[in-house]
C-alpha atoms as a PDB file:
ATOM      1  CA  MET A   1       6.608 -10.177 -13.324  1.00  0.00           C
ATOM      2  CA  GLU A   2       2.908 -10.504 -12.610  1.00  0.00           C
ATOM      3  CA  ASN A   3       3.116 -10.658  -8.809  1.00  0.00           C
ATOM      4  CA  SER A   4       5.342  -7.649  -8.383  1.00  0.00           C
ATOM      5  CA  GLY A   5       2.473  -5.133  -8.603  1.00  0.00           C
ATOM      6  CA  GLY A   6       0.658  -6.539  -5.577  1.00  0.00           C
ATOM      7  CA  ILE A   7       3.876  -7.118  -3.688  1.00  0.00           C
ATOM      8  CA  GLN A   8       5.011  -3.519  -4.217  1.00  0.00           C
ATOM      9  CA  ALA A   9       1.940  -2.308  -2.357  1.00  0.00           C
ATOM     10  CA  SER A  10       3.618  -3.024   0.973  1.00  0.00           C
ATOM     11  CA  LEU A  11       6.870  -1.784   2.462  1.00  0.00           C
ATOM     12  CA  ALA A  12       8.054  -5.366   2.982  1.00  0.00           C
ATOM     13  CA  GLY A  13       7.181  -6.143  -0.627  1.00  0.00           C
ATOM     14  CA  ARG A  14       9.195  -3.234  -1.998  1.00  0.00           C
ATOM     15  CA  TYR A  15      12.289  -4.313  -0.061  1.00  0.00           C
ATOM     16  CA  ALA A  16      11.767  -7.943  -1.136  1.00  0.00           C
ATOM     17  CA  LEU A  17      11.377  -6.902  -4.767  1.00  0.00           C
ATOM     18  CA  ALA A  18      14.599  -4.876  -4.617  1.00  0.00           C
ATOM     19  CA  LEU A  19      16.459  -7.859  -3.119  1.00  0.00           C
ATOM     20  CA  PHE A  20      14.934 -10.217  -5.677  1.00  0.00           C
ATOM     21  CA  GLU A  21      15.949  -8.001  -8.605  1.00  0.00           C
ATOM     22  CA  LEU A  22      19.518  -7.711  -7.279  1.00  0.00           C
ATOM     23  CA  ALA A  23      19.705 -11.465  -6.749  1.00  0.00           C
ATOM     24  CA  ARG A  24      18.252 -12.170 -10.210  1.00  0.00           C
ATOM     25  CA  ASP A  25      20.578  -9.724 -11.952  1.00  0.00           C
ATOM     26  CA  ASN A  26      23.606 -11.240 -10.184  1.00  0.00           C
ATOM     27  CA  GLY A  27      22.514 -14.872 -10.645  1.00  0.00           C
ATOM     28  CA  GLN A  28      22.196 -15.362  -6.894  1.00  0.00           C
ATOM     29  CA  ILE A  29      18.513 -16.208  -6.448  1.00  0.00           C
ATOM     30  CA  ASP A  30      19.229 -19.659  -5.019  1.00  0.00           C
ATOM     31  CA  SER A  31      21.968 -18.551  -2.605  1.00  0.00           C
ATOM     32  CA  VAL A  32      19.898 -15.615  -1.328  1.00  0.00           C
ATOM     33  CA  GLY A  33      16.878 -17.910  -1.012  1.00  0.00           C
ATOM     34  CA  GLN A  34      18.897 -20.380   1.067  1.00  0.00           C
ATOM     35  CA  SER A  35      20.222 -17.586   3.265  1.00  0.00           C
ATOM     36  CA  LEU A  36      16.747 -16.178   3.815  1.00  0.00           C
ATOM     37  CA  SER A  37      15.509 -19.671   4.676  1.00  0.00           C
ATOM     38  CA  THR A  38      18.250 -19.851   7.313  1.00  0.00           C
ATOM     39  CA  VAL A  39      17.190 -16.439   8.652  1.00  0.00           C
ATOM     40  CA  LYS A  40      13.544 -17.566   8.715  1.00  0.00           C
ATOM     41  CA  THR A  41      14.494 -20.629  10.761  1.00  0.00           C
ATOM     42  CA  ALA A  42      16.559 -18.488  13.132  1.00  0.00           C
ATOM     43  CA  LEU A  43      13.622 -16.110  13.604  1.00  0.00           C
ATOM     44  CA  ALA A  44      11.386 -19.042  14.496  1.00  0.00           C
ATOM     45  CA  GLU A  45      13.840 -20.750  16.854  1.00  0.00           C
ATOM     46  CA  VAL A  46      16.044 -18.082  18.484  1.00  0.00           C
ATOM     47  CA  ALA A  47      14.290 -15.747  20.909  1.00  0.00           C
ATOM     48  CA  ASP A  48      17.263 -13.345  21.136  1.00  0.00           C
ATOM     49  CA  PHE A  49      17.291 -12.890  17.354  1.00  0.00           C
ATOM     50  CA  ARG A  50      13.524 -12.246  17.349  1.00  0.00           C
ATOM     51  CA  ALA A  51      14.037  -9.680  20.116  1.00  0.00           C
ATOM     52  CA  LEU A  52      16.788  -7.947  18.127  1.00  0.00           C
ATOM     53  CA  VAL A  53      14.629  -7.780  15.019  1.00  0.00           C
ATOM     54  CA  SER A  54      11.529  -6.498  16.784  1.00  0.00           C
ATOM     55  CA  SER A  55      12.968  -4.155  19.403  1.00  0.00           C
ATOM     56  CA  PRO A  56      12.680  -0.417  18.710  1.00  0.00           C
ATOM     57  CA  LEU A  57      15.132   0.216  21.558  1.00  0.00           C
ATOM     58  CA  VAL A  58      18.173  -1.102  19.691  1.00  0.00           C
ATOM     59  CA  SER A  59      20.091   1.737  18.013  1.00  0.00           C
ATOM     60  CA  ARG A  60      20.875   1.640  14.301  1.00  0.00           C
ATOM     61  CA  ASP A  61      24.572   1.167  14.941  1.00  0.00           C
ATOM     62  CA  ALA A  62      24.041  -1.615  17.482  1.00  0.00           C
ATOM     63  CA  ALA A  63      21.517  -3.328  15.197  1.00  0.00           C
ATOM     64  CA  GLU A  64      23.924  -3.188  12.235  1.00  0.00           C
ATOM     65  CA  LYS A  65      26.733  -4.708  14.310  1.00  0.00           C
ATOM     66  CA  ALA A  66      24.456  -7.385  15.768  1.00  0.00           C
ATOM     67  CA  VAL A  67      23.058  -8.286  12.348  1.00  0.00           C
ATOM     68  CA  ALA A  68      26.577  -8.515  10.908  1.00  0.00           C
ATOM     69  CA  GLY A  69      27.498 -10.909  13.715  1.00  0.00           C
ATOM     70  CA  VAL A  70      24.377 -12.991  13.201  1.00  0.00           C
ATOM     71  CA  ALA A  71      24.989 -13.102   9.433  1.00  0.00           C
ATOM     72  CA  ALA A  72      28.557 -14.302   9.994  1.00  0.00           C
ATOM     73  CA  SER A  73      27.492 -16.983  12.473  1.00  0.00           C
ATOM     74  CA  LEU A  74      24.710 -18.186  10.152  1.00  0.00           C
ATOM     75  CA  LYS A  75      27.122 -18.124   7.181  1.00  0.00           C
ATOM     76  CA  LEU A  76      24.793 -16.022   5.035  1.00  0.00           C
ATOM     77  CA  ASP A  77      25.741 -15.017   1.507  1.00  0.00           C
ATOM     78  CA  PRO A  78      27.182 -11.489   1.048  1.00  0.00           C
ATOM     79  CA  LEU A  79      24.099 -10.046  -0.676  1.00  0.00           C
ATOM     80  CA  THR A  80      21.774 -11.163   2.122  1.00  0.00           C
ATOM     81  CA  THR A  81      24.257  -9.878   4.714  1.00  0.00           C
ATOM     82  CA  LYS A  82      24.289  -6.441   3.029  1.00  0.00           C
ATOM     83  CA  PHE A  83      20.504  -6.520   2.785  1.00  0.00           C
ATOM     84  CA  LEU A  84      20.168  -7.168   6.521  1.00  0.00           C
ATOM     85  CA  GLY A  85      22.600  -4.310   7.170  1.00  0.00           C
ATOM     86  CA  VAL A  86      20.456  -1.964   5.080  1.00  0.00           C
ATOM     87  CA  LEU A  87      17.361  -3.077   6.989  1.00  0.00           C
ATOM     88  CA  ALA A  88      19.110  -2.426  10.301  1.00  0.00           C
ATOM     89  CA  ASN A  89      20.311   0.999   9.134  1.00  0.00           C
ATOM     90  CA  ASN A  90      16.834   1.946   7.900  1.00  0.00           C
ATOM     91  CA  ARG A  91      15.183   0.536  11.062  1.00  0.00           C
ATOM     92  CA  ARG A  92      13.161  -1.955   9.019  1.00  0.00           C
ATOM     93  CA  LEU A  93      14.196  -5.225  10.706  1.00  0.00           C
ATOM     94  CA  GLY A  94      10.691  -5.523  12.150  1.00  0.00           C
ATOM     95  CA  LYS A  95       9.369  -6.190   8.643  1.00  0.00           C
ATOM     96  CA  LEU A  96      11.871  -8.991   7.945  1.00  0.00           C
ATOM     97  CA  SER A  97       9.373 -11.883   8.119  1.00  0.00           C
ATOM     98  CA  GLY A  98       7.092 -10.210   5.582  1.00  0.00           C
ATOM     99  CA  MET A  99      10.071  -9.505   3.339  1.00  0.00           C
ATOM    100  CA  ILE A 100      11.087 -13.142   3.409  1.00  0.00           C
ATOM    101  CA  ARG A 101       7.551 -14.266   2.497  1.00  0.00           C
ATOM    102  CA  ALA A 102       7.383 -11.746  -0.356  1.00  0.00           C
ATOM    103  CA  PHE A 103      10.815 -12.831  -1.630  1.00  0.00           C
ATOM    104  CA  GLU A 104       9.699 -16.488  -1.603  1.00  0.00           C
ATOM    105  CA  THR A 105       6.579 -15.522  -3.567  1.00  0.00           C
ATOM    106  CA  LEU A 106       8.669 -13.682  -6.159  1.00  0.00           C
ATOM    107  CA  VAL A 107      11.057 -16.644  -6.520  1.00  0.00           C
ATOM    108  CA  SER A 108       8.136 -19.048  -6.947  1.00  0.00           C
ATOM    109  CA  ALA A 109       6.588 -16.844  -9.628  1.00  0.00           C
ATOM    110  CA  HIS A 110       9.962 -16.575 -11.348  1.00  0.00           C
ATOM    111  CA  LYS A 111      10.256 -20.379 -11.392  1.00  0.00           C
ATOM    112  CA  GLY A 112       6.623 -20.876 -12.485  1.00  0.00           C
ATOM    113  CA  GLU A 113       5.616 -22.422  -9.169  1.00  0.00           C
ATOM    114  CA  THR A 114       2.697 -21.712  -6.894  1.00  0.00           C
ATOM    115  CA  ARG A 115       3.230 -21.574  -3.128  1.00  0.00           C
ATOM    116  CA  ALA A 116       0.766 -23.225  -0.774  1.00  0.00           C
ATOM    117  CA  GLU A 117       0.714 -22.931   2.996  1.00  0.00           C
ATOM    118  CA  VAL A 118      -0.574 -26.157   4.520  1.00  0.00           C
ATOM    119  CA  THR A 119      -1.561 -26.439   8.170  1.00  0.00           C
ATOM    120  CA  SER A 120      -2.244 -29.846   9.667  1.00  0.00           C
ATOM    121  CA  ALA A 121      -2.927 -31.116  13.188  1.00  0.00           C
ATOM    122  CA  PHE A 122      -0.047 -33.593  12.933  1.00  0.00           C
ATOM    123  CA  PRO A 123       3.144 -33.649  10.826  1.00  0.00           C
ATOM    124  CA  LEU A 124       2.503 -34.936   7.303  1.00  0.00           C
ATOM    125  CA  THR A 125       4.522 -37.820   5.913  1.00  0.00           C
ATOM    126  CA  SER A 126       6.426 -37.405   2.671  1.00  0.00           C
ATOM    127  CA  GLU A 127       3.828 -39.588   0.911  1.00  0.00           C
ATOM    128  CA  GLN A 128       1.036 -37.337   2.152  1.00  0.00           C
ATOM    129  CA  THR A 129       2.813 -34.155   1.081  1.00  0.00           C
ATOM    130  CA  ASP A 130       3.578 -35.651  -2.327  1.00  0.00           C
ATOM    131  CA  ALA A 131      -0.073 -36.679  -2.815  1.00  0.00           C
ATOM    132  CA  LEU A 132      -1.297 -33.255  -1.680  1.00  0.00           C
ATOM    133  CA  ALA A 133       1.163 -31.479  -3.974  1.00  0.00           C
ATOM    134  CA  GLN A 134      -0.070 -33.620  -6.895  1.00  0.00           C
ATOM    135  CA  GLN A 135      -3.733 -32.819  -6.137  1.00  0.00           C
ATOM    136  CA  LEU A 136      -2.992 -29.118  -5.837  1.00  0.00           C
ATOM    137  CA  ARG A 137      -0.914 -29.194  -9.038  1.00  0.00           C
ATOM    138  CA  THR A 138      -3.962 -30.592 -10.841  1.00  0.00           C
ATOM    139  CA  ARG A 139      -6.181 -27.912  -9.301  1.00  0.00           C
ATOM    140  CA  VAL A 140      -3.998 -24.857 -10.017  1.00  0.00           C
ATOM    141  CA  GLY A 141      -2.326 -26.027 -13.220  1.00  0.00           C
ATOM    142  CA  SER A 142       1.289 -25.458 -12.152  1.00  0.00           C
ATOM    143  CA  ASP A 143       3.893 -26.936  -9.834  1.00  0.00           C
ATOM    144  CA  VAL A 144       3.058 -26.346  -6.188  1.00  0.00           C
ATOM    145  CA  LEU A 145       5.640 -25.737  -3.492  1.00  0.00           C
ATOM    146  CA  LEU A 146       4.232 -26.720  -0.087  1.00  0.00           C
ATOM    147  CA  GLU A 147       5.131 -24.927   3.104  1.00  0.00           C
ATOM    148  CA  THR A 148       3.818 -27.074   5.946  1.00  0.00           C
ATOM    149  CA  ARG A 149       3.233 -26.269   9.571  1.00  0.00           C
ATOM    150  CA  VAL A 150       1.597 -28.078  12.458  1.00  0.00           C
ATOM    151  CA  ASP A 151      -1.211 -26.598  14.564  1.00  0.00           C
ATOM    152  CA  PRO A 152      -2.845 -29.122  16.924  1.00  0.00           C
ATOM    153  CA  ALA A 153      -5.721 -26.660  17.509  1.00  0.00           C
ATOM    154  CA  ILE A 154      -7.305 -27.610  14.163  1.00  0.00           C
ATOM    155  CA  MET A 155      -7.786 -31.154  15.609  1.00  0.00           C
ATOM    156  CA  GLY A 156      -7.602 -32.860  12.216  1.00  0.00           C
ATOM    157  CA  GLY A 157      -7.953 -32.265   8.510  1.00  0.00           C
ATOM    158  CA  LEU A 158      -6.064 -29.568   6.620  1.00  0.00           C
ATOM    159  CA  VAL A 159      -6.112 -25.849   6.011  1.00  0.00           C
ATOM    160  CA  VAL A 160      -4.555 -25.002   2.640  1.00  0.00           C
ATOM    161  CA  LYS A 161      -3.901 -21.420   1.590  1.00  0.00           C
ATOM    162  CA  ILE A 162      -2.901 -20.673  -2.005  1.00  0.00           C
ATOM    163  CA  GLY A 163      -2.569 -16.947  -2.563  1.00  0.00           C
ATOM    164  CA  SER A 164      -5.845 -15.401  -1.424  1.00  0.00           C
ATOM    165  CA  GLN A 165      -7.735 -18.702  -1.687  1.00  0.00           C
ATOM    166  CA  MET A 166      -8.245 -20.863   1.404  1.00  0.00           C
ATOM    167  CA  ILE A 167      -9.472 -24.445   1.596  1.00  0.00           C
ATOM    168  CA  ASP A 168     -10.417 -25.252   5.193  1.00  0.00           C
ATOM    169  CA  SER A 169     -11.288 -28.888   5.859  1.00  0.00           C
ATOM    170  CA  SER A 170     -10.236 -28.820   9.502  1.00  0.00           C
ATOM    171  CA  ILE A 171     -12.293 -30.600  12.124  1.00  0.00           C
ATOM    172  CA  ARG A 172     -12.343 -27.406  14.216  1.00  0.00           C
ATOM    173  CA  THR A 173     -14.110 -25.529  11.395  1.00  0.00           C
ATOM    174  CA  ARG A 174     -16.543 -28.393  10.815  1.00  0.00           C
ATOM    175  CA  LEU A 175     -17.411 -28.489  14.529  1.00  0.00           C
ATOM    176  CA  ASN A 176     -17.885 -24.711  14.613  1.00  0.00           C
ATOM    177  CA  THR A 177     -20.175 -24.917  11.571  1.00  0.00           C
ATOM    178  CA  LEU A 178     -22.182 -27.706  13.200  1.00  0.00           C
ATOM    179  CA  ALA A 179     -22.467 -25.723  16.440  1.00  0.00           C
ATOM    180  CA  MET A 180     -23.746 -22.664  14.555  1.00  0.00           C
ATOM    181  CA  ALA A 181     -26.274 -24.812  12.662  1.00  0.00           C
ATOM    182  CA  MET A 182     -27.555 -26.334  15.916  1.00  0.00           C
ATOM    183  CA  LYS A 183     -28.062 -22.876  17.456  1.00  0.00           C
ATOM    184  CA  GLY A 184     -30.423 -22.201  14.596  1.00  0.00           C
END
């Protein structure tokens, strides 16, 4: 897999690659992907879960038990549940977000898709996301999976990140550029 070399350079990437290979070999890529998506949502929305994942004060045993409880309440698949237990035991829960991103990248490469992170000032409609996905598909030459987020600070326009490439057409950047040009 072409992306695995760059992904293996980080600790999070090595764990994600190991999970991906287990999921692929057991035909569970989709179920693990759904479970990790659920975990990603929980990390974004539940402060107690974020605290558990990031706290160095939680013992290995307590972290394993807490993660098992969270996995059961979120109805995660068994492979993802075991993976979270391994992370808790190895004190690597703090790297979970990076592992999820790396896993998503590996799945996209496996499916022949390209991932794009899109930031907008306001939520995009389905028509807008479809049109953007089509334009990006033409630009990169493969299917594009959009991950959208809203950041009112950009004021308008879009910031699109595909791999290491960034397209910034935000109003904030344009205003900053204009301000720098006026300073001379």
